[in-house]
Amino acid sequence: MPSLRRIGIDTCRVPVLYLRIALLAGLALATGPSLAQDAQRGRELYELHCLSCHYERIHKRDPSRSIVRSTTQLRVEVANRAALTRQPFTPQDLDDIAEYLNRSHYRFAK
């Protein structure tokens, strides 16, 4: 195995490099769960922004009449409908709304 100096790494800076790697790994672990879909947050967003145009019973209609038949289609439809509200939804907002709708009404497998 070549020495660190032979491959151009300053051995005085190695502890700093390891510290940076450890900090980045810790940051990644700490922010990971916040990127997960949050159904409770989705419910709050849905109630605030979506119920003004339609009632929840639209999600309870006969499944054969629905254009939504998968989680992917649900996410697409949520994004399409959200665009009509002209609200500045983030991708995370849309995922959270779709997660809420899937858990509360559609129950598609992931």
Protein backbone atom coordinates (compact mmCIF):
# COMPACT_ATOMS: atom_id res chain seq x y z
CA MET A 1 0.00 0.00 0.00
CA PRO A 2 1.51 3.36 -0.96
CA SER A 3 2.15 5.93 1.72
CA LEU A 4 -0.18 8.90 1.92
CA ARG A 5 2.63 11.30 0.98
CA ARG A 6 3.46 9.32 -2.17
CA ILE A 7 -0.09 9.76 -3.47
CA GLY A 8 -0.17 13.47 -2.69
CA ILE A 9 -2.00 13.62 0.63
CA ASP A 10 -0.53 15.86 3.31
CA THR A 11 -0.36 13.63 6.39
CA CYS A 12 -0.80 16.63 8.68
CA ARG A 13 -4.23 17.19 7.20
CA VAL A 14 -5.47 13.59 7.47
CA PRO A 15 -7.16 14.12 10.87
CA VAL A 16 -8.99 17.12 9.39
CA LEU A 17 -10.08 15.00 6.43
CA TYR A 18 -11.43 12.29 8.74
CA LEU A 19 -13.22 14.93 10.83
CA ARG A 20 -14.87 16.38 7.72
CA ILE A 21 -15.97 12.94 6.55
CA ALA A 22 -17.40 12.17 10.00
CA LEU A 23 -19.25 15.51 10.10
CA LEU A 24 -20.72 14.97 6.64
CA ALA A 25 -21.81 11.45 7.54
CA GLY A 26 -23.41 12.72 10.73
CA LEU A 27 -25.19 15.48 8.85
CA ALA A 28 -26.50 13.00 6.30
CA LEU A 29 -27.85 10.76 9.06
CA ALA A 30 -29.38 13.69 10.91
CA THR A 31 -31.23 15.06 7.87
CA GLY A 32 -32.30 11.70 6.45
CA PRO A 33 -35.57 11.29 8.34
CA SER A 34 -36.66 14.84 7.46
CA LEU A 35 -36.65 13.82 3.81
CA ALA A 36 -39.04 10.96 4.46
CA GLN A 37 -42.68 11.41 3.58
CA ASP A 38 -44.64 12.87 6.46
CA ALA A 39 -48.33 11.96 6.32
CA GLN A 40 -49.30 14.24 9.23
CA ARG A 41 -47.66 17.23 7.54
CA GLY A 42 -49.35 16.18 4.29
CA ARG A 43 -52.72 16.19 6.03
CA GLU A 44 -52.13 19.71 7.32
CA LEU A 45 -51.11 20.93 3.85
CA TYR A 46 -54.09 19.16 2.28
CA GLU A 47 -56.55 20.68 4.72
CA LEU A 48 -55.05 24.14 4.29
CA HIS A 49 -54.71 24.24 0.51
CA CYS A 50 -56.77 21.48 -1.11
CA LEU A 51 -60.09 21.35 0.72
CA SER A 52 -61.00 24.82 -0.52
CA CYS A 53 -61.59 23.36 -4.02
CA HIS A 54 -63.01 19.92 -3.28
CA TYR A 55 -64.10 17.66 -0.47
CA GLU A 56 -62.31 14.52 0.64
CA ARG A 57 -65.14 12.36 -0.63
CA ILE A 58 -63.68 12.65 -4.13
CA HIS A 59 -60.99 10.23 -2.96
CA LYS A 60 -63.64 7.75 -1.83
CA ARG A 61 -65.40 7.37 -5.18
CA ASP A 62 -65.59 4.09 -7.06
CA PRO A 63 -61.97 3.06 -7.85
CA SER A 64 -62.97 2.07 -11.39
CA ARG A 65 -63.77 5.74 -12.09
CA SER A 66 -60.46 7.03 -10.73
CA ILE A 67 -57.51 7.92 -12.96
CA VAL A 68 -55.22 7.23 -10.01
CA ARG A 69 -54.22 3.55 -9.82
CA SER A 70 -50.74 3.66 -8.23
CA THR A 71 -48.59 5.73 -5.91
CA THR A 72 -46.77 7.13 -8.94
CA GLN A 73 -50.02 8.26 -10.54
CA LEU A 74 -51.15 9.67 -7.20
CA ARG A 75 -47.98 11.78 -6.93
CA VAL A 76 -48.41 13.02 -10.50
CA GLU A 77 -52.04 13.93 -9.88
CA VAL A 78 -51.18 15.72 -6.63
CA ALA A 79 -48.52 17.75 -8.48
CA ASN A 80 -50.95 18.57 -11.31
CA ARG A 81 -53.67 19.69 -8.90
CA ALA A 82 -51.20 21.62 -6.74
CA ALA A 83 -50.10 23.63 -9.78
CA LEU A 84 -53.69 24.84 -10.13
CA THR A 85 -53.56 26.40 -6.65
CA ARG A 86 -50.58 28.59 -7.60
CA GLN A 87 -49.08 27.90 -4.18
CA PRO A 88 -45.29 27.52 -3.97
CA PHE A 89 -45.29 23.84 -3.00
CA THR A 90 -41.92 22.13 -2.67
CA PRO A 91 -41.38 18.58 -3.93
CA GLN A 92 -41.37 17.52 -0.26
CA ASP A 93 -44.77 19.19 0.25
CA LEU A 94 -46.21 17.26 -2.69
CA ASP A 95 -44.73 13.98 -1.45
CA ASP A 96 -46.21 14.60 2.00
CA ILE A 97 -49.67 15.32 0.57
CA ALA A 98 -49.52 12.21 -1.60
CA GLU A 99 -48.40 10.15 1.41
CA TYR A 100 -51.32 11.43 3.46
CA LEU A 101 -53.80 10.65 0.68
CA ASN A 102 -52.34 7.20 0.14
CA ARG A 103 -52.49 6.30 3.83
CA SER A 104 -55.93 7.76 4.42
CA HIS A 105 -57.77 6.85 1.21
CA TYR A 106 -55.97 4.96 -1.55
CA ARG A 107 -53.74 2.48 0.30
CA PHE A 108 -51.55 1.56 -2.68
CA ALA A 109 -48.59 -0.73 -2.02
CA LYS A 110 -45.25 1.05 -2.11
